[in-house]
Amino acid sequence: MQSPHYAALWASLLTLSACVSSVDHWSKPGASQATVEHDKAECQYQAKSATASYNSTPSDKSMEAAVGAGVGDGIVVAEKQIDLTNDCMRLRGYSGS
């Protein structure tokens, strides 16, 4: 049986996950679609590499805390990867929509 705290944790994590959005379409004058896709893949790779070792340690050692930390870490890492990918593409001269 799930505790009320567990449900509240899920609700807050889902709310946080809606704060960051990935750019669907990148463009840069003179860049072919193949170049755009290559640059995006490189930026995503770099973002994944930069966040590969992220791991929080909950102070509470309960199963709920461990599950919450795991889910929370996943959301934080995904948001950070999106931010880093977007920043990388903008630094390469792309604009996104």
PDB file of N, CA and C in Angstrom:
ATOM      1  N   MET A   1       0.835  -1.182   0.000  1.00  0.00           N
ATOM      2  CA  MET A   1       0.000   0.000   0.000  1.00  0.00           C
ATOM      3  C   MET A   1       0.879   1.245   0.000  1.00  0.00           C
ATOM      4  N   GLN A   2       0.533   2.213  -0.840  1.00  0.00           N
ATOM      5  CA  GLN A   2       1.327   3.424  -0.950  1.00  0.00           C
ATOM      6  C   GLN A   2       0.891   4.437   0.102  1.00  0.00           C
ATOM      7  N   SER A   3       1.870   5.117   0.670  1.00  0.00           N
ATOM      8  CA  SER A   3       1.562   6.139   1.662  1.00  0.00           C
ATOM      9  C   SER A   3       1.182   7.439   0.961  1.00  0.00           C
ATOM     10  N   PRO A   4       0.521   8.364   1.671  1.00  0.00           N
ATOM     11  CA  PRO A   4       0.188   9.661   1.084  1.00  0.00           C
ATOM     12  C   PRO A   4       1.438  10.425   0.664  1.00  0.00           C
ATOM     13  N   HIS A   5       2.544  10.210   1.384  1.00  0.00           N
ATOM     14  CA  HIS A   5       3.784  10.900   1.026  1.00  0.00           C
ATOM     15  C   HIS A   5       4.292  10.439  -0.333  1.00  0.00           C
ATOM     16  N   TYR A   6       4.123   9.164  -0.604  1.00  0.00           N
ATOM     17  CA  TYR A   6       4.559   8.593  -1.874  1.00  0.00           C
ATOM     18  C   TYR A   6       3.776   9.212  -3.032  1.00  0.00           C
ATOM     19  N   ALA A   7       2.473   9.349  -2.876  1.00  0.00           N
ATOM     20  CA  ALA A   7       1.631   9.961  -3.906  1.00  0.00           C
ATOM     21  C   ALA A   7       2.008  11.422  -4.107  1.00  0.00           C
ATOM     22  N   ALA A   8       2.275  12.124  -3.031  1.00  0.00           N
ATOM     23  CA  ALA A   8       2.673  13.532  -3.138  1.00  0.00           C
ATOM     24  C   ALA A   8       4.014  13.658  -3.851  1.00  0.00           C
ATOM     25  N   LEU A   9       4.913  12.738  -3.586  1.00  0.00           N
ATOM     26  CA  LEU A   9       6.213  12.740  -4.247  1.00  0.00           C
ATOM     27  C   LEU A   9       6.034  12.590  -5.755  1.00  0.00           C
ATOM     28  N   TRP A  10       5.238  11.632  -6.161  1.00  0.00           N
ATOM     29  CA  TRP A  10       4.989  11.418  -7.587  1.00  0.00           C
ATOM     30  C   TRP A  10       4.378  12.655  -8.235  1.00  0.00           C
ATOM     31  N   ALA A  11       3.416  13.260  -7.582  1.00  0.00           N
ATOM     32  CA  ALA A  11       2.759  14.450  -8.132  1.00  0.00           C
ATOM     33  C   ALA A  11       3.764  15.586  -8.314  1.00  0.00           C
ATOM     34  N   SER A  12       4.621  15.794  -7.333  1.00  0.00           N
ATOM     35  CA  SER A  12       5.592  16.879  -7.444  1.00  0.00           C
ATOM     36  C   SER A  12       6.647  16.574  -8.504  1.00  0.00           C
ATOM     37  N   LEU A  13       7.041  15.328  -8.634  1.00  0.00           N
ATOM     38  CA  LEU A  13       8.023  14.973  -9.665  1.00  0.00           C
ATOM     39  C   LEU A  13       7.452  15.149 -11.065  1.00  0.00           C
ATOM     40  N   LEU A  14       6.195  14.796 -11.248  1.00  0.00           N
ATOM     41  CA  LEU A  14       5.567  14.978 -12.546  1.00  0.00           C
ATOM     42  C   LEU A  14       5.428  16.456 -12.885  1.00  0.00           C
ATOM     43  N   THR A  15       5.150  17.273 -11.897  1.00  0.00           N
ATOM     44  CA  THR A  15       5.067  18.714 -12.110  1.00  0.00           C
ATOM     45  C   THR A  15       6.420  19.265 -12.523  1.00  0.00           C
ATOM     46  N   LEU A  16       7.473  18.835 -11.861  1.00  0.00           N
ATOM     47  CA  LEU A  16       8.818  19.293 -12.204  1.00  0.00           C
ATOM     48  C   LEU A  16       9.221  18.888 -13.613  1.00  0.00           C
ATOM     49  N   SER A  17       8.813  17.718 -14.029  1.00  0.00           N
ATOM     50  CA  SER A  17       9.229  17.231 -15.350  1.00  0.00           C
ATOM     51  C   SER A  17       8.624  18.044 -16.478  1.00  0.00           C
ATOM     52  N   ALA A  18       7.586  18.798 -16.212  1.00  0.00           N
ATOM     53  CA  ALA A  18       6.948  19.611 -17.240  1.00  0.00           C
ATOM     54  C   ALA A  18       7.644  20.951 -17.432  1.00  0.00           C
ATOM     55  N   CYS A  19       8.657  21.271 -16.632  1.00  0.00           N
ATOM     56  CA  CYS A  19       9.292  22.583 -16.661  1.00  0.00           C
ATOM     57  C   CYS A  19      10.291  22.758 -17.805  1.00  0.00           C
ATOM     58  N   VAL A  20      10.876  21.712 -18.283  1.00  0.00           N
ATOM     59  CA  VAL A  20      11.894  21.791 -19.322  1.00  0.00           C
ATOM     60  C   VAL A  20      11.344  21.175 -20.595  1.00  0.00           C
ATOM     61  N   SER A  21      11.585  21.838 -21.717  1.00  0.00           N
ATOM     62  CA  SER A  21      11.095  21.260 -22.953  1.00  0.00           C
ATOM     63  C   SER A  21      12.205  21.154 -23.986  1.00  0.00           C
ATOM     64  N   SER A  22      12.136  20.104 -24.726  1.00  0.00           N
ATOM     65  CA  SER A  22      13.098  19.858 -25.784  1.00  0.00           C
ATOM     66  C   SER A  22      12.672  20.640 -27.028  1.00  0.00           C
ATOM     67  N   VAL A  23      13.645  21.090 -27.785  1.00  0.00           N
ATOM     68  CA  VAL A  23      13.360  21.805 -29.026  1.00  0.00           C
ATOM     69  C   VAL A  23      13.089  20.773 -30.109  1.00  0.00           C
ATOM     70  N   ASP A  24      11.979  20.941 -30.812  1.00  0.00           N
ATOM     71  CA  ASP A  24      11.606  19.983 -31.854  1.00  0.00           C
ATOM     72  C   ASP A  24      12.326  20.224 -33.175  1.00  0.00           C
ATOM     73  N   HIS A  25      12.582  21.482 -33.487  1.00  0.00           N
ATOM     74  CA  HIS A  25      13.145  21.799 -34.800  1.00  0.00           C
ATOM     75  C   HIS A  25      14.285  22.804 -34.644  1.00  0.00           C
ATOM     76  N   TRP A  26      15.456  22.403 -35.091  1.00  0.00           N
ATOM     77  CA  TRP A  26      16.614  23.289 -35.070  1.00  0.00           C
ATOM     78  C   TRP A  26      16.896  23.770 -36.489  1.00  0.00           C
ATOM     79  N   SER A  27      17.324  25.016 -36.617  1.00  0.00           N
ATOM     80  CA  SER A  27      17.673  25.527 -37.941  1.00  0.00           C
ATOM     81  C   SER A  27      18.896  26.434 -37.846  1.00  0.00           C
ATOM     82  N   LYS A  28      19.624  26.464 -38.957  1.00  0.00           N
ATOM     83  CA  LYS A  28      20.823  27.295 -39.058  1.00  0.00           C
ATOM     84  C   LYS A  28      21.015  27.586 -40.539  1.00  0.00           C
ATOM     85  N   PRO A  29      21.160  28.841 -40.900  1.00  0.00           N
ATOM     86  CA  PRO A  29      21.336  29.167 -42.320  1.00  0.00           C
ATOM     87  C   PRO A  29      22.490  28.374 -42.937  1.00  0.00           C
ATOM     88  N   GLY A  30      22.209  27.732 -44.041  1.00  0.00           N
ATOM     89  CA  GLY A  30      23.224  26.988 -44.774  1.00  0.00           C
ATOM     90  C   GLY A  30      23.478  25.574 -44.286  1.00  0.00           C
ATOM     91  N   ALA A  31      22.842  25.173 -43.197  1.00  0.00           N
ATOM     92  CA  ALA A  31      23.067  23.821 -42.659  1.00  0.00           C
ATOM     93  C   ALA A  31      22.086  22.838 -43.291  1.00  0.00           C
ATOM     94  N   SER A  32      22.607  21.730 -43.800  1.00  0.00           N
ATOM     95  CA  SER A  32      21.745  20.688 -44.354  1.00  0.00           C
ATOM     96  C   SER A  32      21.078  19.927 -43.212  1.00  0.00           C
ATOM     97  N   GLN A  33      20.045  19.182 -43.540  1.00  0.00           N
ATOM     98  CA  GLN A  33      19.361  18.382 -42.520  1.00  0.00           C
ATOM     99  C   GLN A  33      20.320  17.358 -41.913  1.00  0.00           C
ATOM    100  N   ALA A  34      21.207  16.808 -42.728  1.00  0.00           N
ATOM    101  CA  ALA A  34      22.188  15.839 -42.229  1.00  0.00           C
ATOM    102  C   ALA A  34      23.134  16.499 -41.226  1.00  0.00           C
ATOM    103  N   THR A  35      23.541  17.724 -41.494  1.00  0.00           N
ATOM    104  CA  THR A  35      24.420  18.456 -40.579  1.00  0.00           C
ATOM    105  C   THR A  35      23.705  18.752 -39.268  1.00  0.00           C
ATOM    106  N   VAL A  36      22.448  19.171 -39.363  1.00  0.00           N
ATOM    107  CA  VAL A  36      21.649  19.460 -38.166  1.00  0.00           C
ATOM    108  C   VAL A  36      21.537  18.198 -37.305  1.00  0.00           C
ATOM    109  N   GLU A  37      21.195  17.075 -37.932  1.00  0.00           N
ATOM    110  CA  GLU A  37      21.047  15.826 -37.192  1.00  0.00           C
ATOM    111  C   GLU A  37      22.366  15.369 -36.576  1.00  0.00           C
ATOM    112  N   HIS A  38      23.468  15.546 -37.307  1.00  0.00           N
ATOM    113  CA  HIS A  38      24.783  15.183 -36.787  1.00  0.00           C
ATOM    114  C   HIS A  38      25.148  16.043 -35.582  1.00  0.00           C
ATOM    115  N   ASP A  39      24.964  17.353 -35.705  1.00  0.00           N
ATOM    116  CA  ASP A  39      25.287  18.253 -34.599  1.00  0.00           C
ATOM    117  C   ASP A  39      24.409  17.961 -33.381  1.00  0.00           C
ATOM    118  N   LYS A  40      23.128  17.682 -33.605  1.00  0.00           N
ATOM    119  CA  LYS A  40      22.235  17.374 -32.486  1.00  0.00           C
ATOM    120  C   LYS A  40      22.663  16.078 -31.803  1.00  0.00           C
ATOM    121  N   ALA A  41      23.041  15.083 -32.581  1.00  0.00           N
ATOM    122  CA  ALA A  41      23.500  13.819 -32.009  1.00  0.00           C
ATOM    123  C   ALA A  41      24.763  14.032 -31.175  1.00  0.00           C
ATOM    124  N   GLU A  42      25.691  14.856 -31.670  1.00  0.00           N
ATOM    125  CA  GLU A  42      26.903  15.143 -30.905  1.00  0.00           C
ATOM    126  C   GLU A  42      26.569  15.869 -29.601  1.00  0.00           C
ATOM    127  N   CYS A  43      25.652  16.835 -29.670  1.00  0.00           N
ATOM    128  CA  CYS A  43      25.262  17.576 -28.468  1.00  0.00           C
ATOM    129  C   CYS A  43      24.576  16.652 -27.460  1.00  0.00           C
ATOM    130  N   GLN A  44      23.729  15.755 -27.944  1.00  0.00           N
ATOM    131  CA  GLN A  44      23.062  14.807 -27.045  1.00  0.00           C
ATOM    132  C   GLN A  44      24.081  13.865 -26.402  1.00  0.00           C
ATOM    133  N   TYR A  45      25.042  13.419 -27.164  1.00  0.00           N
ATOM    134  CA  TYR A  45      26.088  12.546 -26.636  1.00  0.00           C
ATOM    135  C   TYR A  45      26.877  13.261 -25.535  1.00  0.00           C
ATOM    136  N   GLN A  46      27.260  14.511 -25.803  1.00  0.00           N
ATOM    137  CA  GLN A  46      28.002  15.284 -24.807  1.00  0.00           C
ATOM    138  C   GLN A  46      27.163  15.512 -23.548  1.00  0.00           C
ATOM    139  N   ALA A  47      25.874  15.773 -23.723  1.00  0.00           N
ATOM    140  CA  ALA A  47      24.984  15.986 -22.575  1.00  0.00           C
ATOM    141  C   ALA A  47      24.863  14.708 -21.741  1.00  0.00           C
ATOM    142  N   LYS A  48      24.748  13.568 -22.408  1.00  0.00           N
ATOM    143  CA  LYS A  48      24.666  12.291 -21.686  1.00  0.00           C
ATOM    144  C   LYS A  48      25.967  11.995 -20.956  1.00  0.00           C
ATOM    145  N   SER A  49      27.084  12.302 -21.582  1.00  0.00           N
ATOM    146  CA  SER A  49      28.384  12.086 -20.941  1.00  0.00           C
ATOM    147  C   SER A  49      28.539  12.973 -19.713  1.00  0.00           C
ATOM    148  N   ALA A  50      28.068  14.209 -19.822  1.00  0.00           N
ATOM    149  CA  ALA A  50      28.209  15.164 -18.719  1.00  0.00           C
ATOM    150  C   ALA A  50      27.348  14.804 -17.512  1.00  0.00           C
ATOM    151  N   THR A  51      26.278  14.064 -17.737  1.00  0.00           N
ATOM    152  CA  THR A  51      25.354  13.727 -16.648  1.00  0.00           C
ATOM    153  C   THR A  51      25.425  12.261 -16.236  1.00  0.00           C
ATOM    154  N   ALA A  52      26.359  11.522 -16.789  1.00  0.00           N
ATOM    155  CA  ALA A  52      26.416  10.074 -16.569  1.00  0.00           C
ATOM    156  C   ALA A  52      26.630   9.685 -15.109  1.00  0.00           C
ATOM    157  N   SER A  53      27.325  10.512 -14.353  1.00  0.00           N
ATOM    158  CA  SER A  53      27.643  10.121 -12.978  1.00  0.00           C
ATOM    159  C   SER A  53      26.718  10.768 -11.944  1.00  0.00           C
ATOM    160  N   TYR A  54      25.646  11.434 -12.394  1.00  0.00           N
ATOM    161  CA  TYR A  54      24.757  12.090 -11.428  1.00  0.00           C
ATOM    162  C   TYR A  54      24.022  11.044 -10.609  1.00  0.00           C
ATOM    163  N   ASN A  55      24.037  11.229  -9.299  1.00  0.00           N
ATOM    164  CA  ASN A  55      23.360  10.304  -8.396  1.00  0.00           C
ATOM    165  C   ASN A  55      23.210  10.985  -7.054  1.00  0.00           C
ATOM    166  N   SER A  56      21.984  11.110  -6.574  1.00  0.00           N
ATOM    167  CA  SER A  56      21.791  11.676  -5.238  1.00  0.00           C
ATOM    168  C   SER A  56      21.678  10.536  -4.232  1.00  0.00           C
ATOM    169  N   THR A  57      21.936  10.842  -3.001  1.00  0.00           N
ATOM    170  CA  THR A  57      21.831   9.848  -1.936  1.00  0.00           C
ATOM    171  C   THR A  57      20.824  10.350  -0.914  1.00  0.00           C
ATOM    172  N   PRO A  58      19.673   9.680  -0.814  1.00  0.00           N
ATOM    173  CA  PRO A  58      18.680  10.143   0.157  1.00  0.00           C
ATOM    174  C   PRO A  58      19.165   9.920   1.584  1.00  0.00           C
ATOM    175  N   SER A  59      18.844  10.863   2.464  1.00  0.00           N
ATOM    176  CA  SER A  59      19.238  10.701   3.864  1.00  0.00           C
ATOM    177  C   SER A  59      18.379   9.646   4.552  1.00  0.00           C
ATOM    178  N   ASP A  60      17.156   9.496   4.082  1.00  0.00           N
ATOM    179  CA  ASP A  60      16.252   8.467   4.612  1.00  0.00           C
ATOM    180  C   ASP A  60      16.567   7.172   3.864  1.00  0.00           C
ATOM    181  N   LYS A  61      16.792   6.094   4.566  1.00  0.00           N
ATOM    182  CA  LYS A  61      17.189   4.826   3.943  1.00  0.00           C
ATOM    183  C   LYS A  61      16.008   3.908   3.637  1.00  0.00           C
ATOM    184  N   SER A  62      14.788   4.429   3.685  1.00  0.00           N
ATOM    185  CA  SER A  62      13.610   3.599   3.417  1.00  0.00           C
ATOM    186  C   SER A  62      13.481   3.298   1.921  1.00  0.00           C
ATOM    187  N   MET A  63      12.671   2.297   1.603  1.00  0.00           N
ATOM    188  CA  MET A  63      12.431   1.933   0.207  1.00  0.00           C
ATOM    189  C   MET A  63      11.761   3.089  -0.535  1.00  0.00           C
ATOM    190  N   GLU A  64      10.825   3.774   0.117  1.00  0.00           N
ATOM    191  CA  GLU A  64      10.155   4.914  -0.511  1.00  0.00           C
ATOM    192  C   GLU A  64      11.162   5.994  -0.879  1.00  0.00           C
ATOM    193  N   ALA A  65      12.091   6.275   0.013  1.00  0.00           N
ATOM    194  CA  ALA A  65      13.106   7.294  -0.251  1.00  0.00           C
ATOM    195  C   ALA A  65      14.001   6.872  -1.412  1.00  0.00           C
ATOM    196  N   ALA A  66      14.361   5.610  -1.454  1.00  0.00           N
ATOM    197  CA  ALA A  66      15.221   5.116  -2.528  1.00  0.00           C
ATOM    198  C   ALA A  66      14.516   5.190  -3.880  1.00  0.00           C
ATOM    199  N   VAL A  67      13.246   4.785  -3.908  1.00  0.00           N
ATOM    200  CA  VAL A  67      12.480   4.850  -5.155  1.00  0.00           C
ATOM    201  C   VAL A  67      12.298   6.303  -5.569  1.00  0.00           C
ATOM    202  N   GLY A  68      11.948   7.139  -4.607  1.00  0.00           N
ATOM    203  CA  GLY A  68      11.773   8.561  -4.906  1.00  0.00           C
ATOM    204  C   GLY A  68      13.041   9.198  -5.422  1.00  0.00           C
ATOM    205  N   ALA A  69      14.171   8.858  -4.814  1.00  0.00           N
ATOM    206  CA  ALA A  69      15.454   9.396  -5.266  1.00  0.00           C
ATOM    207  C   ALA A  69      15.778   8.911  -6.670  1.00  0.00           C
ATOM    208  N   GLY A  70      15.499   7.653  -6.944  1.00  0.00           N
ATOM    209  CA  GLY A  70      15.761   7.115  -8.281  1.00  0.00           C
ATOM    210  C   GLY A  70      14.926   7.794  -9.348  1.00  0.00           C
ATOM    211  N   VAL A  71      13.658   7.963  -9.068  1.00  0.00           N
ATOM    212  CA  VAL A  71      12.769   8.644 -10.016  1.00  0.00           C
ATOM    213  C   VAL A  71      13.182  10.103 -10.144  1.00  0.00           C
ATOM    214  N   GLY A  72      13.435  10.734  -9.010  1.00  0.00           N
ATOM    215  CA  GLY A  72      13.855  12.134  -9.028  1.00  0.00           C
ATOM    216  C   GLY A  72      15.150  12.327  -9.787  1.00  0.00           C
ATOM    217  N   ASP A  73      16.113  11.441  -9.563  1.00  0.00           N
ATOM    218  CA  ASP A  73      17.377  11.517 -10.292  1.00  0.00           C
ATOM    219  C   ASP A  73      17.148  11.391 -11.789  1.00  0.00           C
ATOM    220  N   GLY A  74      16.278  10.475 -12.180  1.00  0.00           N
ATOM    221  CA  GLY A  74      15.986  10.300 -13.608  1.00  0.00           C
ATOM    222  C   GLY A  74      15.406  11.554 -14.231  1.00  0.00           C
ATOM    223  N   ILE A  75      14.513  12.200 -13.517  1.00  0.00           N
ATOM    224  CA  ILE A  75      13.900  13.437 -14.025  1.00  0.00           C
ATOM    225  C   ILE A  75      14.940  14.553 -14.082  1.00  0.00           C
ATOM    226  N   VAL A  76      15.739  14.689 -13.036  1.00  0.00           N
ATOM    227  CA  VAL A  76      16.762  15.727 -13.004  1.00  0.00           C
ATOM    228  C   VAL A  76      17.762  15.524 -14.140  1.00  0.00           C
ATOM    229  N   VAL A  77      18.191  14.300 -14.342  1.00  0.00           N
ATOM    230  CA  VAL A  77      19.155  14.002 -15.402  1.00  0.00           C
ATOM    231  C   VAL A  77      18.548  14.301 -16.777  1.00  0.00           C
ATOM    232  N   ALA A  78      17.307  13.887 -17.001  1.00  0.00           N
ATOM    233  CA  ALA A  78      16.655  14.145 -18.293  1.00  0.00           C
ATOM    234  C   ALA A  78      16.529  15.644 -18.552  1.00  0.00           C
ATOM    235  N   GLU A  79      16.127  16.395 -17.540  1.00  0.00           N
ATOM    236  CA  GLU A  79      16.009  17.852 -17.697  1.00  0.00           C
ATOM    237  C   GLU A  79      17.363  18.482 -17.985  1.00  0.00           C
ATOM    238  N   LYS A  80      18.386  18.042 -17.275  1.00  0.00           N
ATOM    239  CA  LYS A  80      19.724  18.585 -17.472  1.00  0.00           C
ATOM    240  C   LYS A  80      20.236  18.247 -18.872  1.00  0.00           C
ATOM    241  N   GLN A  81      19.970  17.031 -19.342  1.00  0.00           N
ATOM    242  CA  GLN A  81      20.401  16.656 -20.688  1.00  0.00           C
ATOM    243  C   GLN A  81      19.715  17.512 -21.745  1.00  0.00           C
ATOM    244  N   ILE A  82      18.448  17.795 -21.560  1.00  0.00           N
ATOM    245  CA  ILE A  82      17.731  18.656 -22.500  1.00  0.00           C
ATOM    246  C   ILE A  82      18.336  20.049 -22.490  1.00  0.00           C
ATOM    247  N   ASP A  83      18.567  20.607 -21.291  1.00  0.00           N
ATOM    248  CA  ASP A  83      19.170  21.935 -21.184  1.00  0.00           C
ATOM    249  C   ASP A  83      20.540  21.980 -21.851  1.00  0.00           C
ATOM    250  N   LEU A  84      21.368  20.976 -21.570  1.00  0.00           N
ATOM    251  CA  LEU A  84      22.716  20.954 -22.136  1.00  0.00           C
ATOM    252  C   LEU A  84      22.686  20.796 -23.659  1.00  0.00           C
ATOM    253  N   THR A  85      21.788  19.961 -24.150  1.00  0.00           N
ATOM    254  CA  THR A  85      21.660  19.786 -25.600  1.00  0.00           C
ATOM    255  C   THR A  85      21.221  21.094 -26.246  1.00  0.00           C
ATOM    256  N   ASN A  86      20.212  21.748 -25.663  1.00  0.00           N
ATOM    257  CA  ASN A  86      19.741  23.030 -26.204  1.00  0.00           C
ATOM    258  C   ASN A  86      20.859  24.074 -26.194  1.00  0.00           C
ATOM    259  N   ASP A  87      21.602  24.167 -25.083  1.00  0.00           N
ATOM    260  CA  ASP A  87      22.708  25.127 -24.991  1.00  0.00           C
ATOM    261  C   ASP A  87      23.783  24.834 -26.035  1.00  0.00           C
ATOM    262  N   CYS A  88      24.113  23.563 -26.194  1.00  0.00           N
ATOM    263  CA  CYS A  88      25.131  23.155 -27.167  1.00  0.00           C
ATOM    264  C   CYS A  88      24.722  23.558 -28.584  1.00  0.00           C
ATOM    265  N   MET A  89      23.475  23.296 -28.924  1.00  0.00           N
ATOM    266  CA  MET A  89      22.999  23.642 -30.284  1.00  0.00           C
ATOM    267  C   MET A  89      23.013  25.147 -30.496  1.00  0.00           C
ATOM    268  N   ARG A  90      22.616  25.895 -29.491  1.00  0.00           N
ATOM    269  CA  ARG A  90      22.640  27.358 -29.629  1.00  0.00           C
ATOM    270  C   ARG A  90      24.069  27.877 -29.766  1.00  0.00           C
ATOM    271  N   LEU A  91      25.001  27.267 -29.023  1.00  0.00           N
ATOM    272  CA  LEU A  91      26.396  27.660 -29.143  1.00  0.00           C
ATOM    273  C   LEU A  91      26.969  27.350 -30.524  1.00  0.00           C
ATOM    274  N   ARG A  92      26.391  26.384 -31.182  1.00  0.00           N
ATOM    275  CA  ARG A  92      26.816  26.031 -32.544  1.00  0.00           C
ATOM    276  C   ARG A  92      26.127  26.901 -33.595  1.00  0.00           C
ATOM    277  N   GLY A  93      25.317  27.862 -33.142  1.00  0.00           N
ATOM    278  CA  GLY A  93      24.694  28.808 -34.069  1.00  0.00           C
ATOM    279  C   GLY A  93      23.297  28.460 -34.524  1.00  0.00           C
ATOM    280  N   TYR A  94      22.672  27.472 -33.892  1.00  0.00           N
ATOM    281  CA  TYR A  94      21.320  27.064 -34.271  1.00  0.00           C
ATOM    282  C   TYR A  94      20.284  27.862 -33.506  1.00  0.00           C
ATOM    283  N   SER A  95      19.116  27.991 -34.117  1.00  0.00           N
ATOM    284  CA  SER A  95      17.962  28.537 -33.398  1.00  0.00           C
ATOM    285  C   SER A  95      16.906  27.442 -33.390  1.00  0.00           C
ATOM    286  N   GLY A  96      16.151  27.402 -32.336  1.00  0.00           N
ATOM    287  CA  GLY A  96      15.182  26.325 -32.173  1.00  0.00           C
ATOM    288  C   GLY A  96      13.754  26.819 -32.068  1.00  0.00           C
ATOM    289  N   SER A  97      12.858  25.918 -32.465  1.00  0.00           N
ATOM    290  CA  SER A  97      11.437  26.229 -32.332  1.00  0.00           C
ATOM    291  C   SER A  97      10.693  24.981 -31.911  1.00  0.00           C
TER     292      SER A  97
END
